[in-house]
Amino acid sequence: MKQDIRKYQRLAKECRVEYCLFKSIATKDGLKESSLSDLSGGGASFYSGENFNNGTQLYLKIYVPGWSHNEGELEQVGDNTAEVMLETIAEVVHIEFHEIKNNYIVGTKFLGKVNK
């Protein structure tokens, strides 16, 4: 049995995500929209029609409902129309085909955030 060595708890969180290959970040060409399977402090899993190789670097824009920015800090708010966008670079660490959704579940680990 494979031991789970995660540093962060995974949350099953329905969030919208946009993604593309990291090498396309300059133009944000080909951003595709999907939804997350889960989210944690160390990474995220999302649904994709593409079968990425492990090690592929991606640019992710994750839209988290129910959170907002307050003086540079993130805080949870009761308003689900509020939304925080997180931009990050992530690396594919596992991928599996989900037969029911007829899509791949792409598991990633965060490499760093995108600063503006």
Protein backbone atom coordinates (compact mmCIF):
# COMPACT_ATOMS: atom_id res chain seq x y z
CA MET A 1 0.00 0.00 0.00
CA LYS A 2 1.33 3.41 -0.99
CA GLN A 3 1.89 5.72 1.98
CA ASP A 4 0.43 9.24 1.70
CA ILE A 5 3.26 11.68 2.48
CA ARG A 6 1.44 14.94 1.82
CA LYS A 7 2.42 18.03 3.80
CA TYR A 8 -0.97 19.70 3.27
CA GLN A 9 -4.52 18.49 3.61
CA ARG A 10 -6.37 18.21 0.31
CA LEU A 11 -9.74 19.92 0.09
CA ALA A 12 -12.37 18.84 -2.40
CA LYS A 13 -13.04 22.36 -3.65
CA GLU A 14 -15.06 23.24 -6.74
CA CYS A 15 -13.06 26.01 -8.34
CA ARG A 16 -12.64 27.19 -11.88
CA VAL A 17 -9.13 26.87 -13.28
CA GLU A 18 -7.47 28.08 -16.47
CA TYR A 19 -4.24 26.45 -17.60
CA CYS A 20 -1.66 26.32 -20.36
CA LEU A 21 1.87 25.08 -20.85
CA PHE A 22 4.36 27.21 -18.92
CA LYS A 23 6.27 27.97 -22.12
CA SER A 24 3.11 29.73 -23.37
CA ILE A 25 2.87 32.06 -20.35
CA ALA A 26 4.19 35.14 -22.17
CA THR A 27 1.24 35.16 -24.55
CA LYS A 28 -1.16 33.15 -22.36
CA ASP A 29 -1.91 31.56 -25.71
CA GLY A 30 -4.24 28.64 -25.55
CA LEU A 31 -5.53 29.05 -21.98
CA LYS A 32 -8.04 26.27 -21.41
CA GLU A 33 -10.78 26.32 -18.79
CA SER A 34 -11.63 23.44 -16.48
CA SER A 35 -12.47 22.71 -12.85
CA LEU A 36 -10.44 21.54 -9.91
CA SER A 37 -10.77 18.10 -8.40
CA ASP A 38 -9.01 19.22 -5.20
CA LEU A 39 -6.77 21.94 -3.81
CA SER A 40 -4.11 22.10 -1.10
CA GLY A 41 -1.28 24.37 0.00
CA GLY A 42 1.17 22.30 -2.03
CA GLY A 43 -0.71 21.64 -5.24
CA ALA A 44 -3.95 21.05 -7.08
CA SER A 45 -5.65 18.43 -9.23
CA PHE A 46 -7.85 19.38 -12.15
CA TYR A 47 -9.72 17.77 -15.04
CA SER A 48 -8.26 17.94 -18.53
CA GLY A 49 -8.81 16.36 -21.91
CA GLU A 50 -5.02 16.33 -22.33
CA ASN A 51 -2.70 13.57 -21.18
CA PHE A 52 0.35 15.47 -19.85
CA ASN A 53 3.67 13.80 -19.06
CA ASN A 54 4.98 13.88 -15.50
CA GLY A 55 7.35 16.83 -15.13
CA THR A 56 5.41 19.06 -17.54
CA GLN A 57 5.31 22.62 -16.22
CA LEU A 58 1.99 24.46 -16.40
CA TYR A 59 0.74 27.98 -15.76
CA LEU A 60 -2.43 27.87 -13.62
CA LYS A 61 -5.01 30.54 -12.80
CA ILE A 62 -7.21 29.27 -9.98
CA TYR A 63 -10.38 31.17 -9.04
CA VAL A 64 -11.32 30.46 -5.41
CA PRO A 65 -14.87 31.53 -4.42
CA GLY A 66 -15.62 32.76 -0.91
CA TRP A 67 -12.23 34.44 -0.38
CA SER A 68 -10.98 37.99 -0.89
CA HIS A 69 -7.85 40.12 -0.54
CA ASN A 70 -7.67 42.38 2.51
CA GLU A 71 -4.57 44.57 2.86
CA GLY A 72 -2.41 42.03 1.04
CA GLU A 73 -3.73 39.04 2.98
CA LEU A 74 -6.25 36.41 1.97
CA GLU A 75 -9.32 36.02 4.13
CA GLN A 76 -12.36 33.83 3.93
CA VAL A 77 -15.62 35.74 3.56
CA GLY A 78 -19.22 34.59 3.71
CA ASP A 79 -19.93 35.86 0.21
CA ASN A 80 -19.50 33.18 -2.46
CA THR A 81 -19.70 35.83 -5.16
CA ALA A 82 -16.33 37.11 -3.86
CA GLU A 83 -13.45 35.41 -5.62
CA VAL A 84 -9.66 35.37 -5.39
CA MET A 85 -7.52 34.53 -8.40
CA LEU A 86 -4.29 32.67 -7.67
CA GLU A 87 -1.66 32.50 -10.41
CA THR A 88 0.99 29.83 -10.09
CA ILE A 89 3.47 27.67 -11.92
CA ALA A 90 2.94 23.97 -11.27
CA GLU A 91 4.52 20.69 -12.29
CA VAL A 92 2.56 17.59 -13.25
CA VAL A 93 3.33 14.84 -10.72
CA HIS A 94 0.67 12.28 -11.64
CA ILE A 95 -2.12 11.76 -14.11
CA GLU A 96 -4.91 9.22 -14.32
CA PHE A 97 -7.89 8.70 -16.58
CA HIS A 98 -11.31 9.20 -14.95
CA GLU A 99 -13.72 6.97 -16.86
CA ILE A 100 -16.92 8.52 -15.49
CA LYS A 101 -15.89 12.07 -16.42
CA ASN A 102 -14.14 10.82 -19.58
CA ASN A 103 -11.22 13.10 -18.73
CA TYR A 104 -7.81 12.97 -17.13
CA ILE A 105 -7.22 14.05 -13.54
CA VAL A 106 -3.96 16.00 -13.58
CA GLY A 107 -2.18 16.14 -10.22
CA THR A 108 0.26 19.02 -9.81
CA LYS A 109 2.60 20.45 -7.21
CA PHE A 110 3.08 24.20 -6.97
CA LEU A 111 6.51 25.52 -7.92
CA GLY A 112 5.86 29.19 -7.24
CA LYS A 113 3.38 32.00 -7.60
CA VAL A 114 3.26 34.48 -10.45
CA ASN A 115 3.90 38.04 -9.26
CA LYS A 116 2.54 41.02 -11.14
